[in-house]
Protein backbone atom coordinates (compact mmCIF):
# COMPACT_ATOMS: atom_id res chain seq x y z
CA UNK A 1 0.00 0.00 0.00
CA UNK A 2 1.36 3.40 -0.96
CA UNK A 3 1.61 5.84 1.91
CA UNK A 4 2.70 9.44 2.26
CA UNK A 5 4.87 10.93 4.99
CA UNK A 6 1.78 11.81 7.01
CA UNK A 7 0.03 8.44 6.77
CA UNK A 8 0.34 5.10 8.51
CA UNK A 9 -0.30 1.61 7.15
CA UNK A 10 -2.54 -0.60 9.26
CA UNK A 11 -4.39 -3.88 8.92
CA UNK A 12 -8.07 -4.29 9.73
CA UNK A 13 -9.46 -7.82 9.71
CA UNK A 14 -6.62 -8.92 7.44
CA UNK A 15 -7.04 -6.11 4.91
CA UNK A 16 -4.30 -3.49 4.56
CA UNK A 17 -5.01 0.20 4.34
CA UNK A 18 -3.51 3.59 5.09
CA UNK A 19 -4.90 6.47 7.11
CA UNK A 20 -3.63 9.91 8.04
CA UNK A 21 -1.31 10.07 11.01
CA UNK A 22 -3.29 10.89 14.16
CA UNK A 23 -6.42 8.99 13.06
CA UNK A 24 -8.10 6.96 15.78
CA UNK A 25 -8.70 3.27 15.22
CA UNK A 26 -12.49 3.81 15.30
CA UNK A 27 -12.23 6.46 12.58
CA UNK A 28 -9.90 4.24 10.53
CA UNK A 29 -12.40 1.39 10.68
CA UNK A 30 -15.17 3.70 9.47
CA UNK A 31 -13.00 5.26 6.75
CA UNK A 32 -11.58 2.03 5.37
CA UNK A 33 -14.89 0.19 5.55
CA UNK A 34 -16.95 3.08 4.17
CA UNK A 35 -19.20 2.74 7.25
CA UNK A 36 -21.01 -0.22 5.69
CA UNK A 37 -20.89 -2.61 8.64
CA UNK A 38 -20.99 -2.43 12.42
CA UNK A 39 -17.79 -2.33 14.44
CA UNK A 40 -19.00 -5.23 16.54
CA UNK A 41 -22.14 -7.05 17.57
CA UNK A 42 -23.63 -7.16 21.06
CA UNK A 43 -24.15 -10.40 22.97
CA UNK A 44 -27.71 -10.42 21.60
CA UNK A 45 -26.49 -9.96 18.02
CA UNK A 46 -27.36 -6.28 17.62
CA UNK A 47 -24.97 -4.19 15.49
CA UNK A 48 -22.80 -1.78 17.47
CA UNK A 49 -20.43 1.01 16.50
CA UNK A 50 -18.61 4.02 17.90
CA UNK A 51 -21.25 6.24 19.44
CA UNK A 52 -19.66 8.88 21.66
CA UNK A 53 -16.13 9.01 20.21
CA UNK A 54 -14.60 9.78 23.60
CA UNK A 55 -14.47 6.43 25.42
CA UNK A 56 -17.59 6.79 27.55
CA UNK A 57 -20.05 4.47 25.78
CA UNK A 58 -17.71 1.44 25.33
CA UNK A 59 -19.42 0.55 22.02
CA UNK A 60 -16.25 0.69 19.94
CA UNK A 61 -14.38 -2.30 21.38
CA UNK A 62 -11.88 -3.96 19.05
CA UNK A 63 -8.87 -6.23 19.38
CA UNK A 64 -5.77 -4.14 18.72
CA UNK A 65 -2.40 -5.86 18.36
CA UNK A 66 -3.78 -8.91 20.14
CA UNK A 67 -5.25 -7.01 23.10
CA UNK A 68 -9.01 -7.53 23.27
CA UNK A 69 -11.67 -5.03 24.36
CA UNK A 70 -9.72 -1.86 23.55
CA UNK A 71 -11.84 1.25 23.11
CA UNK A 72 -10.89 2.03 19.52
CA UNK A 73 -11.97 5.67 19.70
CA UNK A 74 -9.19 6.32 22.23
CA UNK A 75 -6.35 4.58 20.37
CA UNK A 76 -4.33 6.38 17.71
CA UNK A 77 -3.29 4.33 14.67
CA UNK A 78 0.39 3.39 14.59
CA UNK A 79 2.35 1.89 11.68
CA UNK A 80 1.81 -1.85 11.31
CA UNK A 81 -1.07 -1.95 13.78
CA UNK A 82 -3.30 -5.04 13.50
CA UNK A 83 -6.94 -4.50 14.30
CA UNK A 84 -9.70 -7.09 14.49
CA UNK A 85 -13.40 -6.39 14.86
CA UNK A 86 -16.18 -8.92 15.19
CA UNK A 87 -18.73 -6.97 13.17
CA UNK A 88 -17.03 -6.69 9.78
PDB file of N, CA and C in Angstrom:
ATOM      1  N   UNK A   1       0.842  -1.170   0.000  1.00  0.00           N
ATOM      2  CA  UNK A   1       0.000   0.000   0.000  1.00  0.00           C
ATOM      3  C   UNK A   1       0.882   1.225   0.000  1.00  0.00           C
ATOM      4  N   UNK A   2       0.605   2.156  -0.891  1.00  0.00           N
ATOM      5  CA  UNK A   2       1.364   3.396  -0.964  1.00  0.00           C
ATOM      6  C   UNK A   2       0.938   4.328   0.160  1.00  0.00           C
ATOM      7  N   UNK A   3       1.914   4.886   0.847  1.00  0.00           N
ATOM      8  CA  UNK A   3       1.611   5.836   1.910  1.00  0.00           C
ATOM      9  C   UNK A   3       2.400   7.117   1.679  1.00  0.00           C
ATOM     10  N   UNK A   4       1.953   8.185   2.302  1.00  0.00           N
ATOM     11  CA  UNK A   4       2.696   9.441   2.258  1.00  0.00           C
ATOM     12  C   UNK A   4       3.360   9.631   3.609  1.00  0.00           C
ATOM     13  N   UNK A   5       4.164  10.685   3.736  1.00  0.00           N
ATOM     14  CA  UNK A   5       4.869  10.932   4.994  1.00  0.00           C
ATOM     15  C   UNK A   5       3.924  11.115   6.168  1.00  0.00           C
ATOM     16  N   UNK A   6       2.714  11.565   5.917  1.00  0.00           N
ATOM     17  CA  UNK A   6       1.778  11.809   7.014  1.00  0.00           C
ATOM     18  C   UNK A   6       0.701  10.732   7.119  1.00  0.00           C
ATOM     19  N   UNK A   7       0.988   9.534   6.644  1.00  0.00           N
ATOM     20  CA  UNK A   7       0.026   8.442   6.769  1.00  0.00           C
ATOM     21  C   UNK A   7       0.691   7.222   7.391  1.00  0.00           C
ATOM     22  N   UNK A   8      -0.154   6.336   7.915  1.00  0.00           N
ATOM     23  CA  UNK A   8       0.335   5.097   8.511  1.00  0.00           C
ATOM     24  C   UNK A   8      -0.405   3.923   7.888  1.00  0.00           C
ATOM     25  N   UNK A   9       0.309   2.832   7.677  1.00  0.00           N
ATOM     26  CA  UNK A   9      -0.297   1.612   7.152  1.00  0.00           C
ATOM     27  C   UNK A   9      -0.747   0.745   8.316  1.00  0.00           C
ATOM     28  N   UNK A  10      -1.975   0.262   8.228  1.00  0.00           N
ATOM     29  CA  UNK A  10      -2.536  -0.597   9.264  1.00  0.00           C
ATOM     30  C   UNK A  10      -3.240  -1.772   8.598  1.00  0.00           C
ATOM     31  N   UNK A  11      -3.640  -2.730   9.411  1.00  0.00           N
ATOM     32  CA  UNK A  11      -4.386  -3.882   8.918  1.00  0.00           C
ATOM     33  C   UNK A  11      -5.652  -4.023   9.747  1.00  0.00           C
ATOM     34  N   UNK A  12      -6.789  -4.102   9.058  1.00  0.00           N
ATOM     35  CA  UNK A  12      -8.069  -4.294   9.726  1.00  0.00           C
ATOM     36  C   UNK A  12      -8.693  -5.566   9.198  1.00  0.00           C
ATOM     37  N   UNK A  13      -8.889  -6.526  10.075  1.00  0.00           N
ATOM     38  CA  UNK A  13      -9.465  -7.824   9.711  1.00  0.00           C
ATOM     39  C   UNK A  13      -8.761  -8.442   8.514  1.00  0.00           C
ATOM     40  N   UNK A  14      -7.424  -8.316   8.490  1.00  0.00           N
ATOM     41  CA  UNK A  14      -6.622  -8.925   7.440  1.00  0.00           C
ATOM     42  C   UNK A  14      -6.468  -8.110   6.177  1.00  0.00           C
ATOM     43  N   UNK A  15      -7.134  -6.962   6.091  1.00  0.00           N
ATOM     44  CA  UNK A  15      -7.038  -6.111   4.913  1.00  0.00           C
ATOM     45  C   UNK A  15      -6.174  -4.898   5.219  1.00  0.00           C
ATOM     46  N   UNK A  16      -5.204  -4.625   4.360  1.00  0.00           N
ATOM     47  CA  UNK A  16      -4.297  -3.494   4.561  1.00  0.00           C
ATOM     48  C   UNK A  16      -4.923  -2.198   4.080  1.00  0.00           C
ATOM     49  N   UNK A  17      -4.548  -1.120   4.736  1.00  0.00           N
ATOM     50  CA  UNK A  17      -5.006   0.200   4.343  1.00  0.00           C
ATOM     51  C   UNK A  17      -4.104   1.246   4.950  1.00  0.00           C
ATOM     52  N   UNK A  18      -4.290   2.485   4.551  1.00  0.00           N
ATOM     53  CA  UNK A  18      -3.506   3.593   5.087  1.00  0.00           C
ATOM     54  C   UNK A  18      -4.442   4.710   5.489  1.00  0.00           C
ATOM     55  N   UNK A  19      -4.123   5.342   6.607  1.00  0.00           N
ATOM     56  CA  UNK A  19      -4.902   6.469   7.107  1.00  0.00           C
ATOM     57  C   UNK A  19      -3.937   7.585   7.497  1.00  0.00           C
ATOM     58  N   UNK A  20      -4.455   8.777   7.634  1.00  0.00           N
ATOM     59  CA  UNK A  20      -3.633   9.913   8.042  1.00  0.00           C
ATOM     60  C   UNK A  20      -3.105   9.698   9.454  1.00  0.00           C
ATOM     61  N   UNK A  21      -1.875  10.138   9.668  1.00  0.00           N
ATOM     62  CA  UNK A  21      -1.313  10.072  11.009  1.00  0.00           C
ATOM     63  C   UNK A  21      -2.230  10.820  11.969  1.00  0.00           C
ATOM     64  N   UNK A  22      -2.423  10.274  13.169  1.00  0.00           N
ATOM     65  CA  UNK A  22      -3.290  10.889  14.159  1.00  0.00           C
ATOM     66  C   UNK A  22      -4.719  10.395  14.135  1.00  0.00           C
ATOM     67  N   UNK A  23      -5.062   9.542  13.166  1.00  0.00           N
ATOM     68  CA  UNK A  23      -6.417   8.994  13.062  1.00  0.00           C
ATOM     69  C   UNK A  23      -6.637   7.959  14.153  1.00  0.00           C
ATOM     70  N   UNK A  24      -7.803   7.989  14.788  1.00  0.00           N
ATOM     71  CA  UNK A  24      -8.102   6.960  15.782  1.00  0.00           C
ATOM     72  C   UNK A  24      -8.467   5.663  15.072  1.00  0.00           C
ATOM     73  N   UNK A  25      -8.361   4.570  15.794  1.00  0.00           N
ATOM     74  CA  UNK A  25      -8.704   3.273  15.224  1.00  0.00           C
ATOM     75  C   UNK A  25     -10.180   3.242  14.821  1.00  0.00           C
ATOM     76  N   UNK A  26     -11.062   3.790  15.636  1.00  0.00           N
ATOM     77  CA  UNK A  26     -12.491   3.806  15.297  1.00  0.00           C
ATOM     78  C   UNK A  26     -12.734   4.556  13.990  1.00  0.00           C
ATOM     79  N   UNK A  27     -12.073   5.690  13.824  1.00  0.00           N
ATOM     80  CA  UNK A  27     -12.225   6.460  12.583  1.00  0.00           C
ATOM     81  C   UNK A  27     -11.643   5.693  11.401  1.00  0.00           C
ATOM     82  N   UNK A  28     -10.520   5.026  11.604  1.00  0.00           N
ATOM     83  CA  UNK A  28      -9.902   4.244  10.528  1.00  0.00           C
ATOM     84  C   UNK A  28     -10.825   3.118  10.080  1.00  0.00           C
ATOM     85  N   UNK A  29     -11.463   2.463  11.027  1.00  0.00           N
ATOM     86  CA  UNK A  29     -12.397   1.391  10.683  1.00  0.00           C
ATOM     87  C   UNK A  29     -13.538   1.947   9.844  1.00  0.00           C
ATOM     88  N   UNK A  30     -14.082   3.081  10.237  1.00  0.00           N
ATOM     89  CA  UNK A  30     -15.168   3.697   9.472  1.00  0.00           C
ATOM     90  C   UNK A  30     -14.688   4.140   8.092  1.00  0.00           C
ATOM     91  N   UNK A  31     -13.526   4.771   8.026  1.00  0.00           N
ATOM     92  CA  UNK A  31     -12.995   5.256   6.751  1.00  0.00           C
ATOM     93  C   UNK A  31     -12.693   4.124   5.780  1.00  0.00           C
ATOM     94  N   UNK A  32     -12.011   3.104   6.262  1.00  0.00           N
ATOM     95  CA  UNK A  32     -11.577   2.026   5.373  1.00  0.00           C
ATOM     96  C   UNK A  32     -12.687   1.047   5.041  1.00  0.00           C
ATOM     97  N   UNK A  33     -13.755   1.074   5.811  1.00  0.00           N
ATOM     98  CA  UNK A  33     -14.888   0.190   5.547  1.00  0.00           C
ATOM     99  C   UNK A  33     -16.056   0.950   4.947  1.00  0.00           C
ATOM    100  N   UNK A  34     -15.886   2.237   4.715  1.00  0.00           N
ATOM    101  CA  UNK A  34     -16.952   3.082   4.174  1.00  0.00           C
ATOM    102  C   UNK A  34     -18.228   3.028   5.010  1.00  0.00           C
ATOM    103  N   UNK A  35     -18.092   2.779   6.290  1.00  0.00           N
ATOM    104  CA  UNK A  35     -19.199   2.737   7.246  1.00  0.00           C
ATOM    105  C   UNK A  35     -20.337   1.837   6.769  1.00  0.00           C
ATOM    106  N   UNK A  36     -19.989   0.690   6.198  1.00  0.00           N
ATOM    107  CA  UNK A  36     -21.012  -0.224   5.690  1.00  0.00           C
ATOM    108  C   UNK A  36     -21.405  -1.303   6.684  1.00  0.00           C
ATOM    109  N   UNK A  37     -20.609  -1.528   7.708  1.00  0.00           N
ATOM    110  CA  UNK A  37     -20.888  -2.614   8.636  1.00  0.00           C
ATOM    111  C   UNK A  37     -20.626  -2.147  10.061  1.00  0.00           C
ATOM    112  N   UNK A  38     -21.223  -2.813  11.027  1.00  0.00           N
ATOM    113  CA  UNK A  38     -20.988  -2.430  12.418  1.00  0.00           C
ATOM    114  C   UNK A  38     -19.562  -2.760  12.848  1.00  0.00           C
ATOM    115  N   UNK A  39     -19.107  -2.072  13.868  1.00  0.00           N
ATOM    116  CA  UNK A  39     -17.795  -2.331  14.437  1.00  0.00           C
ATOM    117  C   UNK A  39     -17.785  -3.685  15.140  1.00  0.00           C
ATOM    118  N   UNK A  40     -18.869  -3.968  15.823  1.00  0.00           N
ATOM    119  CA  UNK A  40     -18.998  -5.232  16.539  1.00  0.00           C
ATOM    120  C   UNK A  40     -20.474  -5.552  16.684  1.00  0.00           C
ATOM    121  N   UNK A  41     -20.756  -6.699  17.256  1.00  0.00           N
ATOM    122  CA  UNK A  41     -22.140  -7.051  17.566  1.00  0.00           C
ATOM    123  C   UNK A  41     -22.249  -7.281  19.066  1.00  0.00           C
ATOM    124  N   UNK A  42     -23.406  -6.962  19.618  1.00  0.00           N
ATOM    125  CA  UNK A  42     -23.630  -7.155  21.057  1.00  0.00           C
ATOM    126  C   UNK A  42     -23.836  -8.641  21.339  1.00  0.00           C
ATOM    127  N   UNK A  43     -23.941  -8.998  22.602  1.00  0.00           N
ATOM    128  CA  UNK A  43     -24.155 -10.397  22.968  1.00  0.00           C
ATOM    129  C   UNK A  43     -25.490 -10.911  22.450  1.00  0.00           C
ATOM    130  N   UNK A  44     -26.422 -10.004  22.157  1.00  0.00           N
ATOM    131  CA  UNK A  44     -27.708 -10.416  21.604  1.00  0.00           C
ATOM    132  C   UNK A  44     -27.735 -10.364  20.082  1.00  0.00           C
ATOM    133  N   UNK A  45     -26.583  -9.985  19.470  1.00  0.00           N
ATOM    134  CA  UNK A  45     -26.495  -9.965  18.015  1.00  0.00           C
ATOM    135  C   UNK A  45     -26.815  -8.631  17.367  1.00  0.00           C
ATOM    136  N   UNK A  46     -27.045  -7.599  18.167  1.00  0.00           N
ATOM    137  CA  UNK A  46     -27.364  -6.278  17.617  1.00  0.00           C
ATOM    138  C   UNK A  46     -26.086  -5.594  17.134  1.00  0.00           C
ATOM    139  N   UNK A  47     -26.158  -4.899  15.990  1.00  0.00           N
ATOM    140  CA  UNK A  47     -24.968  -4.186  15.493  1.00  0.00           C
ATOM    141  C   UNK A  47     -24.602  -3.028  16.408  1.00  0.00           C
ATOM    142  N   UNK A  48     -23.300  -2.844  16.627  1.00  0.00           N
ATOM    143  CA  UNK A  48     -22.801  -1.777  17.473  1.00  0.00           C
ATOM    144  C   UNK A  48     -21.680  -1.040  16.765  1.00  0.00           C
ATOM    145  N   UNK A  49     -21.506   0.221  17.082  1.00  0.00           N
ATOM    146  CA  UNK A  49     -20.432   1.015  16.504  1.00  0.00           C
ATOM    147  C   UNK A  49     -20.073   2.150  17.430  1.00  0.00           C
ATOM    148  N   UNK A  50     -19.040   2.891  17.073  1.00  0.00           N
ATOM    149  CA  UNK A  50     -18.610   4.017  17.896  1.00  0.00           C
ATOM    150  C   UNK A  50     -19.766   5.008  18.015  1.00  0.00           C
ATOM    151  N   UNK A  51     -20.118   5.356  19.215  1.00  0.00           N
ATOM    152  CA  UNK A  51     -21.251   6.243  19.443  1.00  0.00           C
ATOM    153  C   UNK A  51     -20.785   7.604  19.956  1.00  0.00           C
ATOM    154  N   UNK A  52     -20.028   7.613  21.048  1.00  0.00           N
ATOM    155  CA  UNK A  52     -19.660   8.882  21.661  1.00  0.00           C
ATOM    156  C   UNK A  52     -18.341   9.444  21.133  1.00  0.00           C
ATOM    157  N   UNK A  53     -17.422   8.568  20.717  1.00  0.00           N
ATOM    158  CA  UNK A  53     -16.134   9.014  20.207  1.00  0.00           C
ATOM    159  C   UNK A  53     -15.175   9.527  21.260  1.00  0.00           C
ATOM    160  N   UNK A  54     -15.495   9.311  22.544  1.00  0.00           N
ATOM    161  CA  UNK A  54     -14.595   9.784  23.602  1.00  0.00           C
ATOM    162  C   UNK A  54     -14.418   8.765  24.722  1.00  0.00           C
ATOM    163  N   UNK A  55     -14.756   7.503  24.465  1.00  0.00           N
ATOM    164  CA  UNK A  55     -14.472   6.432  25.417  1.00  0.00           C
ATOM    165  C   UNK A  55     -15.487   6.209  26.509  1.00  0.00           C
ATOM    166  N   UNK A  56     -16.604   6.922  26.483  1.00  0.00           N
ATOM    167  CA  UNK A  56     -17.590   6.790  27.545  1.00  0.00           C
ATOM    168  C   UNK A  56     -18.556   5.624  27.292  1.00  0.00           C
ATOM    169  N   UNK A  57     -18.981   5.435  26.064  1.00  0.00           N
ATOM    170  CA  UNK A  57     -20.048   4.469  25.777  1.00  0.00           C
ATOM    171  C   UNK A  57     -19.568   3.019  25.673  1.00  0.00           C
ATOM    172  N   UNK A  58     -18.288   2.784  25.433  1.00  0.00           N
ATOM    173  CA  UNK A  58     -17.707   1.438  25.325  1.00  0.00           C
ATOM    174  C   UNK A  58     -18.285   0.628  24.162  1.00  0.00           C
ATOM    175  N   UNK A  59     -18.850   1.269  23.165  1.00  0.00           N
ATOM    176  CA  UNK A  59     -19.424   0.555  22.021  1.00  0.00           C
ATOM    177  C   UNK A  59     -18.411   0.265  20.919  1.00  0.00           C
ATOM    178  N   UNK A  60     -17.217   0.788  21.024  1.00  0.00           N
ATOM    179  CA  UNK A  60     -16.250   0.686  19.937  1.00  0.00           C
ATOM    180  C   UNK A  60     -15.145  -0.341  20.195  1.00  0.00           C
ATOM    181  N   UNK A  61     -15.398  -1.306  21.043  1.00  0.00           N
ATOM    182  CA  UNK A  61     -14.378  -2.296  21.378  1.00  0.00           C
ATOM    183  C   UNK A  61     -13.852  -3.003  20.134  1.00  0.00           C
ATOM    184  N   UNK A  62     -12.543  -3.206  20.109  1.00  0.00           N
ATOM    185  CA  UNK A  62     -11.876  -3.958  19.052  1.00  0.00           C
ATOM    186  C   UNK A  62     -10.644  -4.611  19.662  1.00  0.00           C
ATOM    187  N   UNK A  63     -10.130  -5.624  18.980  1.00  0.00           N
ATOM    188  CA  UNK A  63      -8.866  -6.230  19.381  1.00  0.00           C
ATOM    189  C   UNK A  63      -7.772  -5.511  18.610  1.00  0.00           C
ATOM    190  N   UNK A  64      -6.834  -4.920  19.338  1.00  0.00           N
ATOM    191  CA  UNK A  64      -5.765  -4.140  18.725  1.00  0.00           C
ATOM    192  C   UNK A  64      -4.432  -4.744  19.128  1.00  0.00           C
ATOM    193  N   UNK A  65      -3.681  -5.196  18.121  1.00  0.00           N
ATOM    194  CA  UNK A  65      -2.395  -5.860  18.358  1.00  0.00           C
ATOM    195  C   UNK A  65      -2.506  -6.970  19.389  1.00  0.00           C
ATOM    196  N   UNK A  66      -3.582  -7.747  19.284  1.00  0.00           N
ATOM    197  CA  UNK A  66      -3.780  -8.908  20.143  1.00  0.00           C
ATOM    198  C   UNK A  66      -4.397  -8.627  21.501  1.00  0.00           C
ATOM    199  N   UNK A  67      -4.647  -7.366  21.816  1.00  0.00           N
ATOM    200  CA  UNK A  67      -5.247  -7.008  23.103  1.00  0.00           C
ATOM    201  C   UNK A  67      -6.740  -6.762  22.877  1.00  0.00           C
ATOM    202  N   UNK A  68      -7.566  -7.613  23.478  1.00  0.00           N
ATOM    203  CA  UNK A  68      -9.015  -7.534  23.275  1.00  0.00           C
ATOM    204  C   UNK A  68      -9.637  -6.389  24.076  1.00  0.00           C
ATOM    205  N   UNK A  69     -10.817  -5.992  23.649  1.00  0.00           N
ATOM    206  CA  UNK A  69     -11.674  -5.032  24.355  1.00  0.00           C
ATOM    207  C   UNK A  69     -11.039  -3.652  24.530  1.00  0.00           C
ATOM    208  N   UNK A  70     -10.278  -3.223  23.531  1.00  0.00           N
ATOM    209  CA  UNK A  70      -9.720  -1.861  23.555  1.00  0.00           C
ATOM    210  C   UNK A  70     -10.779  -0.908  23.011  1.00  0.00           C
ATOM    211  N   UNK A  71     -10.914   0.236  23.614  1.00  0.00           N
ATOM    212  CA  UNK A  71     -11.836   1.255  23.110  1.00  0.00           C
ATOM    213  C   UNK A  71     -11.145   1.944  21.934  1.00  0.00           C
ATOM    214  N   UNK A  72     -11.584   1.597  20.732  1.00  0.00           N
ATOM    215  CA  UNK A  72     -10.887   2.028  19.519  1.00  0.00           C
ATOM    216  C   UNK A  72     -10.952   3.532  19.280  1.00  0.00           C
ATOM    217  N   UNK A  73     -11.893   4.212  19.890  1.00  0.00           N
ATOM    218  CA  UNK A  73     -11.974   5.666  19.705  1.00  0.00           C
ATOM    219  C   UNK A  73     -10.899   6.397  20.498  1.00  0.00           C
ATOM    220  N   UNK A  74     -10.228   5.699  21.412  1.00  0.00           N
ATOM    221  CA  UNK A  74      -9.191   6.322  22.230  1.00  0.00           C
ATOM    222  C   UNK A  74      -7.779   5.951  21.787  1.00  0.00           C
ATOM    223  N   UNK A  75      -7.660   5.080  20.792  1.00  0.00           N
ATOM    224  CA  UNK A  75      -6.354   4.582  20.373  1.00  0.00           C
ATOM    225  C   UNK A  75      -5.983   5.180  19.017  1.00  0.00           C
ATOM    226  N   UNK A  76      -4.830   5.804  18.953  1.00  0.00           N
ATOM    227  CA  UNK A  76      -4.331   6.375  17.706  1.00  0.00           C
ATOM    228  C   UNK A  76      -3.655   5.293  16.867  1.00  0.00           C
ATOM    229  N   UNK A  77      -3.902   5.302  15.574  1.00  0.00           N
ATOM    230  CA  UNK A  77      -3.285   4.327  14.673  1.00  0.00           C
ATOM    231  C   UNK A  77      -1.768   4.517  14.628  1.00  0.00           C
ATOM    232  N   UNK A  78      -1.065   3.399  14.695  1.00  0.00           N
ATOM    233  CA  UNK A  78       0.389   3.388  14.586  1.00  0.00           C
ATOM    234  C   UNK A  78       0.783   2.480  13.427  1.00  0.00           C
ATOM    235  N   UNK A  79       1.936   2.720  12.804  1.00  0.00           N
ATOM    236  CA  UNK A  79       2.351   1.889  11.679  1.00  0.00           C
ATOM    237  C   UNK A  79       2.378   0.399  12.029  1.00  0.00           C
ATOM    238  N   UNK A  80       1.814  -0.408  11.137  1.00  0.00           N
ATOM    239  CA  UNK A  80       1.810  -1.853  11.308  1.00  0.00           C
ATOM    240  C   UNK A  80       0.783  -2.375  12.286  1.00  0.00           C
ATOM    241  N   UNK A  81      -0.073  -1.531  12.813  1.00  0.00           N
ATOM    242  CA  UNK A  81      -1.072  -1.947  13.780  1.00  0.00           C
ATOM    243  C   UNK A  81      -2.019  -2.969  13.167  1.00  0.00           C
ATOM    244  N   UNK A  82      -2.332  -4.010  13.935  1.00  0.00           N
ATOM    245  CA  UNK A  82      -3.296  -5.037  13.501  1.00  0.00           C
ATOM    246  C   UNK A  82      -4.554  -4.913  14.342  1.00  0.00           C
ATOM    247  N   UNK A  83      -5.666  -4.744  13.651  1.00  0.00           N
ATOM    248  CA  UNK A  83      -6.944  -4.503  14.302  1.00  0.00           C
ATOM    249  C   UNK A  83      -7.910  -5.587  13.867  1.00  0.00           C
ATOM    250  N   UNK A  84      -8.677  -6.109  14.836  1.00  0.00           N
ATOM    251  CA  UNK A  84      -9.700  -7.089  14.490  1.00  0.00           C
ATOM    252  C   UNK A  84     -11.010  -6.668  15.142  1.00  0.00           C
ATOM    253  N   UNK A  85     -12.057  -6.671  14.344  1.00  0.00           N
ATOM    254  CA  UNK A  85     -13.396  -6.389  14.857  1.00  0.00           C
ATOM    255  C   UNK A  85     -14.241  -7.625  14.638  1.00  0.00           C
ATOM    256  N   UNK A  86     -15.315  -7.753  15.394  1.00  0.00           N
ATOM    257  CA  UNK A  86     -16.179  -8.920  15.185  1.00  0.00           C
ATOM    258  C   UNK A  86     -17.403  -8.602  14.361  1.00  0.00           C
ATOM    259  N   UNK A  87     -17.543  -7.352  13.924  1.00  0.00           N
ATOM    260  CA  UNK A  87     -18.728  -6.970  13.166  1.00  0.00           C
ATOM    261  C   UNK A  87     -18.528  -6.830  11.687  1.00  0.00           C
ATOM    262  N   UNK A  88     -17.275  -6.898  11.201  1.00  0.00           N
ATOM    263  CA  UNK A  88     -17.030  -6.691   9.777  1.00  0.00           C
ATOM    264  C   UNK A  88     -16.924  -7.986   9.044  1.00  0.00           C
TER     265      UNK A  88
END
